[in-house]
Each structure stands twice: as C-alpha cells, then as structure tokens.
Protein backbone atom coordinates (compact mmCIF):
# COMPACT_ATOMS: atom_id res chain seq x y z
CA MET A 1 -8.43 144.39 210.33
CA GLY A 2 -6.19 147.47 210.32
CA VAL A 3 -2.92 145.59 210.69
CA GLY A 4 -2.36 145.34 206.92
CA PRO A 5 -2.28 149.10 206.28
CA PHE A 6 -0.28 149.64 209.47
CA ALA A 7 2.35 147.08 208.48
CA THR A 8 2.80 148.73 205.06
CA ASP A 9 2.52 152.43 205.83
CA THR A 10 4.79 152.48 208.88
CA TYR A 11 7.93 151.90 206.85
CA LEU A 12 7.04 153.49 203.49
CA ALA A 13 9.26 156.48 204.21
CA ALA A 14 12.09 154.07 205.13
CA LEU A 15 12.16 152.28 201.76
CA PRO A 16 15.11 154.33 200.41
CA GLU A 17 17.07 153.76 203.66
CA LEU A 18 16.19 150.04 203.59
CA GLN A 19 17.51 149.85 200.03
CA ARG A 20 20.84 151.41 201.03
CA SER A 21 21.17 149.38 204.23
CA LEU A 22 20.71 146.02 202.50
CA HIS A 23 22.64 147.09 199.36
CA ALA A 24 19.57 146.18 197.34
CA SER A 25 17.96 147.65 194.24
CA ALA A 26 14.84 149.84 194.27
CA THR A 27 12.97 146.85 192.82
CA VAL A 28 13.90 144.63 195.78
CA ALA A 29 12.94 147.39 198.21
CA GLN A 30 9.52 147.70 196.59
CA LEU A 31 9.18 143.90 196.53
CA THR A 32 9.11 143.99 200.34
CA LEU A 33 5.85 145.90 199.91
CA THR A 34 4.54 143.91 196.95
CA THR A 35 5.13 140.49 198.55
CA PHE A 36 3.37 141.62 201.72
CA ILE A 37 0.33 142.56 199.61
CA VAL A 38 0.51 139.18 197.83
CA GLY A 39 0.64 137.53 201.26
CA LEU A 40 -2.39 139.52 202.37
CA ALA A 41 -4.29 138.09 199.41
CA ALA A 42 -3.05 134.53 199.96
CA GLY A 43 -3.81 134.63 203.69
CA GLN A 44 -7.38 135.62 203.02
CA PHE A 45 -7.76 132.82 200.46
CA LEU A 46 -6.35 130.23 202.89
CA ILE A 47 -7.59 131.24 206.32
CA GLY A 48 -10.99 132.81 205.56
CA PRO A 49 -12.51 129.60 204.12
CA ALA A 50 -10.87 127.48 206.85
CA SER A 51 -12.75 129.52 209.45
CA ASP A 52 -16.08 128.44 207.93
CA ALA A 53 -15.15 124.91 209.01
CA TYR A 54 -13.13 125.47 212.22
CA GLY A 55 -14.47 128.73 213.66
CA ARG A 56 -12.98 132.20 213.95
CA ARG A 57 -11.45 132.64 217.42
CA ARG A 58 -8.54 130.21 217.52
CA LEU A 59 -7.43 131.16 214.03
CA LEU A 60 -7.45 134.83 215.03
CA ILE A 61 -5.22 134.08 218.01
CA ALA A 62 -2.83 132.00 215.90
CA CYS A 63 -2.56 134.74 213.24
CA SER A 64 -1.80 137.40 215.86
CA VAL A 65 0.99 135.36 217.46
CA ALA A 66 2.50 134.48 214.08
CA PHE A 67 2.44 138.14 213.03
CA ALA A 68 4.52 139.07 216.09
CA VAL A 69 7.07 136.33 215.39
CA LEU A 70 7.41 137.20 211.70
CA SER A 71 7.77 140.91 212.46
CA ALA A 72 10.81 140.01 214.57
CA VAL A 73 12.21 137.92 211.70
CA CYS A 74 11.79 140.89 209.33
CA GLY A 75 13.67 143.17 211.70
CA LEU A 76 16.57 140.73 211.92
CA SER A 77 16.80 140.00 208.18
CA PRO A 78 20.43 140.03 206.93
CA ASP A 79 19.60 140.69 203.28
CA GLY A 80 16.84 141.55 200.85
CA ALA A 81 15.96 137.95 199.99
CA VAL A 82 15.25 136.98 203.60
CA LEU A 83 13.24 140.15 204.18
CA VAL A 84 11.13 139.60 201.06
CA ALA A 85 10.37 136.01 202.10
CA ALA A 86 9.53 137.01 205.67
CA ARG A 87 7.26 139.79 204.44
CA LEU A 88 5.40 137.30 202.25
CA VAL A 89 4.59 135.00 205.17
CA GLN A 90 3.87 137.96 207.43
CA GLY A 91 1.33 139.10 204.85
CA VAL A 92 -0.31 135.66 204.89
CA VAL A 93 -1.06 135.77 208.62
CA ALA A 94 -2.07 139.44 208.45
CA GLY A 95 -4.45 138.59 205.60
CA GLY A 96 -5.95 135.85 207.73
CA GLY A 97 -6.76 138.42 210.40
CA VAL A 98 -8.41 140.72 207.85
CA ALA A 99 -10.61 137.93 206.44
CA LEU A 100 -11.57 136.70 209.88
CA GLY A 101 -12.49 140.21 211.02
CA ARG A 102 -14.95 140.64 208.14
CA ALA A 103 -16.41 137.19 208.81
CA VAL A 104 -16.95 138.00 212.51
CA VAL A 105 -18.95 141.10 211.55
CA THR A 106 -21.04 139.10 209.07
CA ASP A 107 -21.68 136.45 211.75
CA THR A 108 -23.09 139.01 214.14
CA HIS A 109 -24.69 141.72 211.94
CA ALA A 110 -26.98 141.87 208.89
CA GLY A 111 -28.18 144.34 206.25
CA ASP A 112 -27.67 148.04 206.78
CA ARG A 113 -26.58 147.37 210.36
CA ALA A 114 -23.69 145.32 209.01
CA ALA A 115 -22.88 148.09 206.51
CA ALA A 116 -22.83 150.67 209.31
CA THR A 117 -20.54 148.42 211.34
CA PHE A 118 -18.16 148.03 208.40
CA GLY A 119 -18.17 151.83 208.08
CA LEU A 120 -17.24 152.22 211.75
CA ILE A 121 -14.49 149.61 211.49
CA SER A 122 -13.20 151.23 208.30
CA SER A 123 -12.91 154.61 210.01
CA PHE A 124 -10.59 153.06 212.59
CA THR A 125 -8.80 150.97 209.97
CA PHE A 126 -8.13 154.09 207.90
CA LEU A 127 -6.54 155.73 210.92
CA GLY A 128 -3.67 153.28 210.28
CA PRO A 129 -2.35 155.28 207.30
CA ILE A 130 -2.55 158.43 209.44
CA ILE A 131 -0.92 157.05 212.58
CA ALA A 132 1.51 154.65 210.88
CA PRO A 133 3.57 157.15 208.81
CA ALA A 134 3.76 159.51 211.78
CA ALA A 135 4.81 156.65 214.04
CA GLY A 136 7.27 155.46 211.40
CA GLY A 137 8.72 158.95 211.08
CA ALA A 138 9.16 159.20 214.86
CA ILE A 139 10.85 155.80 214.96
CA LEU A 140 13.14 156.67 212.05
CA ALA A 141 14.17 159.87 213.80
CA TYR A 142 15.77 157.77 216.54
CA GLY A 143 16.19 154.35 214.94
CA THR A 144 16.28 152.53 211.61
CA TRP A 145 13.88 150.49 209.50
CA ARG A 146 14.72 147.53 211.77
CA THR A 147 13.30 149.47 214.70
CA VAL A 148 10.03 149.80 212.77
CA PHE A 149 9.71 146.02 212.68
CA ALA A 150 10.50 145.84 216.40
CA ALA A 151 7.46 148.08 216.95
CA LEU A 152 5.36 145.80 214.72
CA THR A 153 6.48 142.85 216.87
CA LEU A 154 5.08 144.63 219.92
CA LEU A 155 1.87 145.37 217.99
CA GLY A 156 1.47 141.66 217.20
CA MET A 157 1.89 140.74 220.86
CA LEU A 158 -0.74 143.29 221.89
CA MET A 159 -3.13 141.96 219.24
CA ALA A 160 -2.75 138.41 220.52
CA VAL A 161 -3.63 139.53 224.05
CA ALA A 162 -6.56 141.67 222.84
CA VAL A 163 -8.07 138.87 220.72
CA THR A 164 -7.67 136.33 223.54
CA LEU A 165 -9.44 138.59 226.02
CA GLY A 166 -11.95 140.37 223.82
CA VAL A 167 -13.15 138.28 220.86
CA PRO A 168 -15.51 135.36 221.54
CA GLU A 169 -16.28 132.59 219.06
CA THR A 170 -18.95 133.91 216.66
CA LEU A 171 -19.49 130.78 214.53
CA PRO A 172 -20.91 127.94 216.65
CA PRO A 173 -20.36 124.33 215.48
CA ALA A 174 -23.96 124.01 214.28
CA ARG A 175 -23.39 126.73 211.66
CA ARG A 176 -20.04 125.48 210.36
CA HIS A 177 -19.42 123.97 206.93
CA PRO A 178 -17.70 120.65 206.21
CA ALA A 179 -13.91 120.71 206.37
CA GLY A 180 -11.58 119.53 203.61
CA LEU A 181 -10.32 120.76 200.27
CA ARG A 182 -13.22 119.30 198.31
CA ALA A 183 -15.83 121.10 200.41
CA LEU A 184 -13.80 124.30 200.21
CA GLY A 185 -13.59 123.99 196.43
CA VAL A 186 -17.36 123.57 196.17
CA ARG A 187 -17.97 126.70 198.28
CA MET A 188 -15.49 128.79 196.32
CA ALA A 189 -16.74 127.59 192.96
CA GLY A 190 -20.31 128.38 193.93
CA LEU A 191 -19.44 131.94 194.87
CA LEU A 192 -17.22 132.46 191.80
CA ARG A 193 -20.17 131.46 189.57
CA ASP A 194 -22.56 133.76 191.42
CA TRP A 195 -22.55 137.09 189.52
CA GLY A 196 -24.70 138.61 192.27
CA PHE A 197 -21.63 138.24 194.49
CA MET A 198 -18.81 138.53 191.95
CA ARG A 199 -19.98 141.82 190.41
CA HIS A 200 -19.26 143.54 193.71
CA VAL A 201 -15.88 141.83 193.91
CA VAL A 202 -14.81 142.76 190.36
CA LEU A 203 -15.72 146.39 190.96
CA GLN A 204 -13.79 146.33 194.23
CA CYS A 205 -10.76 144.82 192.46
CA LEU A 206 -10.62 147.58 189.85
CA ALA A 207 -10.92 150.39 192.40
CA GLY A 208 -8.55 148.61 194.77
CA ALA A 209 -5.91 148.25 192.06
CA GLY A 210 -6.06 152.00 191.45
CA PHE A 211 -5.73 152.64 195.16
CA PHE A 212 -2.74 150.31 195.55
CA THR A 213 -1.05 152.01 192.60
CA TYR A 214 -1.15 155.19 194.66
CA ILE A 215 0.12 153.44 197.81
CA GLY A 216 3.02 151.74 196.03
CA GLY A 217 4.12 154.59 193.78
CA SER A 218 3.36 157.87 195.52
CA ALA A 219 6.40 157.88 197.83
CA PHE A 220 8.87 157.47 194.96
CA VAL A 221 7.01 159.71 192.49
CA LEU A 222 6.28 162.66 194.76
CA ARG A 223 9.76 162.63 196.28
CA SER A 224 11.58 162.37 192.94
CA VAL A 225 9.33 164.63 190.84
CA TYR A 226 8.51 167.31 193.43
CA GLY A 227 11.60 166.88 195.60
CA ILE A 228 9.69 166.70 198.88
CA SER A 229 11.29 165.30 202.02
CA ALA A 230 10.25 162.11 203.80
CA THR A 231 8.64 164.24 206.51
CA ARG A 232 6.57 166.23 204.02
CA TYR A 233 5.53 163.08 202.21
CA THR A 234 4.30 161.74 205.55
CA VAL A 235 2.11 164.84 205.88
CA VAL A 236 0.70 164.33 202.36
CA PHE A 237 -0.02 160.66 202.98
CA ALA A 238 -1.57 161.27 206.41
CA THR A 239 -3.80 164.07 205.11
CA ASN A 240 -5.16 161.84 202.37
CA ALA A 241 -5.74 159.02 204.83
CA ALA A 242 -7.57 161.45 207.14
CA ALA A 243 -9.92 162.29 204.26
CA MET A 244 -10.61 158.57 203.82
CA ALA A 245 -11.31 158.17 207.54
CA VAL A 246 -13.72 161.12 207.52
CA PHE A 247 -15.57 159.70 204.51
CA SER A 248 -15.90 156.33 206.23
CA LEU A 249 -17.36 157.99 209.34
CA LEU A 250 -19.86 159.79 207.11
CA PHE A 251 -20.64 156.45 205.48
CA ARG A 252 -21.59 155.00 208.87
CA LEU A 253 -23.90 157.95 209.55
CA LEU A 254 -25.55 157.96 206.11
CA VAL A 255 -25.75 154.31 205.07
CA VAL A 256 -29.02 153.42 206.80
CA ARG A 257 -30.77 156.30 205.05
CA ALA A 258 -28.99 156.34 201.68
CA GLY A 259 -28.04 152.68 201.18
CA ALA A 260 -24.63 151.14 200.61
CA ALA A 261 -24.93 150.98 196.80
CA ARG A 262 -25.69 154.69 196.46
CA LEU A 263 -22.81 155.69 198.73
CA ARG A 264 -20.47 153.40 196.81
CA ALA A 265 -21.53 155.17 193.60
CA ILE A 266 -20.67 158.54 195.14
CA GLY A 267 -17.30 157.28 196.35
CA ILE A 268 -16.31 155.72 193.01
CA THR A 269 -17.38 158.88 191.17
CA VAL A 270 -15.27 161.13 193.42
CA SER A 271 -12.24 158.84 193.11
CA THR A 272 -12.60 158.57 189.33
CA ALA A 273 -12.83 162.35 188.95
CA GLY A 274 -9.69 162.82 191.06
CA ALA A 275 -7.78 160.19 189.08
CA ALA A 276 -8.89 161.69 185.75
CA GLY A 277 -7.23 164.99 186.64
CA LEU A 278 -3.83 163.45 187.37
CA PRO A 279 -2.70 162.85 183.73
CA VAL A 280 -3.45 166.50 182.93
CA VAL A 281 -1.27 167.59 185.86
CA ALA A 282 1.45 165.16 184.82
CA LEU A 283 1.55 166.48 181.25
CA ALA A 284 1.76 170.06 182.51
CA GLY A 285 4.82 169.17 184.60
CA PRO A 286 5.91 170.05 188.14
CA HIS A 287 7.23 173.48 187.11
CA SER A 288 3.80 174.56 185.84
CA VAL A 289 1.60 172.95 188.50
CA PRO A 290 2.48 173.21 192.21
CA LEU A 291 2.40 170.22 194.55
CA GLY A 292 -0.95 171.35 196.00
CA VAL A 293 -2.83 170.41 192.82
CA PRO A 294 -1.84 166.71 192.55
CA TRP A 295 -2.11 166.52 196.34
CA ALA A 296 -5.74 167.70 196.16
CA LEU A 297 -6.52 165.26 193.34
CA LEU A 298 -4.94 162.35 195.22
CA CYS A 299 -6.88 163.39 198.32
CA ALA A 300 -10.11 163.14 196.29
CA VAL A 301 -9.11 159.67 195.04
CA VAL A 302 -8.33 158.40 198.52
CA GLY A 303 -11.27 160.17 200.17
CA GLY A 304 -13.74 158.58 197.77
CA MET A 305 -12.46 155.18 198.80
CA GLY A 306 -13.75 155.95 202.30
CA PHE A 307 -17.24 155.44 200.85
CA ALA A 308 -16.34 152.78 198.30
CA ILE A 309 -14.44 150.32 200.52
CA PRO A 310 -16.98 149.80 203.36
CA ALA A 311 -19.85 149.83 200.86
CA ALA A 312 -18.24 147.22 198.63
CA THR A 313 -17.34 145.10 201.66
CA ALA A 314 -20.88 145.20 203.00
CA LEU A 315 -22.51 144.47 199.62
CA ALA A 316 -20.19 141.55 198.86
CA GLN A 317 -20.48 140.03 202.35
CA GLU A 318 -24.27 140.31 202.23
CA ALA A 319 -24.35 138.56 198.85
CA GLY A 320 -22.10 135.76 200.18
CA ARG A 321 -23.57 135.55 203.69
CA HIS A 322 -24.15 131.77 203.52
CA SER A 323 -20.35 131.24 203.51
CA ALA A 324 -19.07 134.38 205.21
CA GLY A 325 -15.46 133.26 205.63
CA THR A 326 -15.16 132.11 202.02
CA ALA A 327 -16.88 135.27 200.75
CA SER A 328 -14.48 137.36 202.83
CA ALA A 329 -11.55 135.41 201.42
CA LEU A 330 -12.59 135.90 197.81
CA GLN A 331 -13.47 139.57 197.99
CA GLY A 332 -10.45 140.53 200.07
CA GLY A 333 -8.00 138.13 198.46
CA LEU A 334 -8.88 139.02 194.89
CA THR A 335 -8.76 142.74 195.70
CA PHE A 336 -5.30 142.49 197.25
CA LEU A 337 -4.15 140.28 194.39
CA ALA A 338 -5.27 142.94 191.92
CA GLY A 339 -3.42 145.48 194.04
CA ALA A 340 -0.27 143.38 194.06
CA VAL A 341 -0.33 143.22 190.25
CA ALA A 342 -0.90 146.98 189.93
CA THR A 343 1.60 148.15 192.57
CA PRO A 344 4.82 147.53 190.56
CA LEU A 345 3.46 149.08 187.35
CA THR A 346 4.64 152.57 188.25
CA GLY A 347 8.15 151.23 188.92
CA VAL A 348 8.22 149.42 185.56
CA PHE A 349 7.56 152.67 183.67
CA GLY A 350 9.70 154.83 185.96
CA TYR A 351 9.41 157.36 188.76
CA ASP A 352 10.88 160.32 186.85
CA THR A 353 7.44 161.76 186.06
CA LEU A 354 3.94 161.57 187.52
CA LEU A 355 2.53 160.28 184.21
CA PRO A 356 2.87 156.47 184.62
CA MET A 357 1.15 156.45 188.00
CA ALA A 358 -1.46 158.97 186.81
CA VAL A 359 -2.38 157.03 183.66
CA THR A 360 -2.55 153.70 185.49
CA MET A 361 -4.82 155.09 188.20
CA SER A 362 -7.11 156.89 185.77
CA ILE A 363 -7.59 153.78 183.60
CA LEU A 364 -8.39 151.54 186.57
CA TYR A 365 -10.85 153.96 188.14
CA ALA A 366 -12.51 154.65 184.79
CA ALA A 367 -13.05 150.90 184.35
CA ALA A 368 -14.56 150.69 187.85
CA PHE A 369 -16.86 153.62 187.08
CA VAL A 370 -18.07 152.06 183.81
CA LEU A 371 -18.77 148.71 185.49
CA MET A 372 -20.65 150.47 188.27
CA CYS A 373 -22.84 152.26 185.71
CA VAL A 374 -23.56 148.98 183.90
CA MET A 375 -24.48 147.29 187.18
CA THR A 376 -26.79 150.17 188.13
CA ASP A 377 -28.51 150.17 184.74
CA ARG A 378 -29.17 146.44 184.89
CA SER A 379 -30.19 146.27 188.53
CA PRO A 380 -31.85 149.59 189.41
CA ARG A 381 -33.93 148.27 192.26
CA ARG A 382 -31.09 146.32 193.87
CA ALA A 383 -28.69 149.25 193.57
CA LYS A 384 -30.82 151.47 195.77
CA THR A 385 -30.40 149.75 199.08
CA LEU A 386 -28.79 146.92 200.91
CA THR A 387 -31.23 144.53 202.53
CA SER A 388 -30.72 141.51 204.70
C-alpha cells in the first residue's frame, strides 16, 4: 500500500534535473507526477472491483511484477512522452496494489479493529515520504533520475517475492461476487447511490485534493520562493511526513477508545487550521516571514492527515464492507482522481509566490471542514464511533 507514495516522493527532488535531461518543459516534468496519480486512481477503479470476483492474491502478484517491469521502462525512457506514458501505466498497477491492500484488511478485520489496523498500516505507509526523499537524495548524489527508477525496479521485484511468500488468499470463492462488466456496474452504482458510503468518500476527496496540492507544488514553490536547496527541501518534506506517521501511530492507539469519526474530526480541524494560515504568510512575503513559519503550517496540514486518512479509510470501508474491493476502488480512486485534478493547479497560476498553492489548499480544506460539520450535525450518534 505504500508503493504509491514511494514511487512519487523518491524522485521529487530530481524533477528539475529530469526536465533538463529530457529537454522538456516544467509542465512535462510535472506531468510525470500527475499521470502517475491518474494511474493510481484508474488502477484502483479497475483492479479493486475485479478482486471481488477473482480474489486478491493473484492480482497482487501480477501488479507487483508489472510494477517492476514498468519501473525499468521509465528508467530507460528516451524522452518525456515515453516517460509520461510509462508512468501512467505504472500508476495503474500501483493503484491496483493499494486497492487490494485495503480490501485484504477489510476481508480479515472489522469495526474498530479494522480502524486500528488501517492506522498501523498508515504509519508504515507514511514512512515512505520520509525514507523515499532521503533515498532519492542518496541515489542522486551518485546517479541520476534514471538510477531512481532502477531502484524502484528492485523494489517491485522484492514486492513480488514478498506477496508470493507472505499474503494468502483472503476472499474465498464462496464470498466472491459475479464477474463481468454488468455485475461490476451494479455494484459500483449501488455504492455511488449510498450516501452513507459516499459522504466519507467526498470528504476524503476534498482533503486529499488539498494534500496532493502540497505534494505536487511544494518542491517548486519552496525552492523558487525561499531559495532552498534540494537537500533542504528533502529535510522539510521528511519532517512533515514524520509528523503524519506519528499522528497515524497515535490514531492506532486511540481509535478503539475515541472512535474513528472523532479522530478524523481532529485531523481535519488541524489540517484546515494549518492551511488557513498559509495565505496570510504568502501575502506577507518571504522577506517578512522566515521559512520556519510556512514549514510549521505545512507540518500541521500534513500531520492532521495522519488522523484523517486512516479514519476516512476505515469509515468508508466499513460502510462498503459488502463489496470491499469495489468500495476500496471508489474511495481510493476518486480521492486520487481529485488529487490529480488539484496537483497541476499551482503550476497553472505559477510558482513565483506561495499564494496560489496556499489559496488552493485553504479552500479545499475549508470545504472538507464544512462538510464534516454538516455530517456531524446530521448524524451525531453515528459520528461518535465506528461499529462493525
């Protein structure tokens, strides 16, 4: 489940070098990130529902092998067009792994126990943004962006071995749904009409779009506005990711007592408060406000997601338990799709100031906060706890 963040964050610092190496524009360089996120969404839509009919294990193995092959193709890409296309398909198979991972947890856990498990998995998943930039920086010190993809090829091979040896089939034939596009359409349509499920997904999409705006724009904005080096940006990014990992560990410890909905409310509130401070900092300008202030605000945004992400995942999967793979596909796919739409917005309005990224993030998180308040007001009893 952590391969998506790892495959994006490892080469974030190499985007300027990638642009120069392939003689591409900044837009094409960022498209290698955007198309991967689109692929993550598409892979969840395609492979998650298929697993409800065919089981989880063999699809997990296939996705791991394909990820290794496509990583090698990315590393050998002769130009930007080939790299963008390869990243799209690589995202598809990575997204399949993410959807299948959530479905496996839902197959084997329920209620607050499932929420605690998602919190534990999230804490390891969030280590990706900590380890990946550091690993990417070490690779770039001795190699190029192509070497980064060679390392991802090795990661894919290790995943294939680990899944083959360590993940049994969790969906026996007796619990599977009918195969075919018509049956899939019926399952998806049923979940899309179910507001008890979709309210969690919509909230997750809004917060996720704000989060992806930070992921896609922070490298360019912080380096151009504050003039920090790639190494220092890696420290900023890793520190924020560490805050998210710590919050997710706290989530695992607190969720049985406090409930997933309450912890999600805390996480969204913290993230919204951090995002709301960014436009003020942007208007003041980098000469008036030192880097430490926007860094602290971004850390609050990212840290709050350590509560919000596992909570939203658990609440949505519980609401869609009867079709766990399809529910995983919709909640993950729609969230990444929202992120893919939001990621280029900062680039459209420019990287010369912090303001475009700050305004976009604050609007998205404010919308998530308002929806959360409406949901809580209308469903006070259900918002208190997550039950099986």
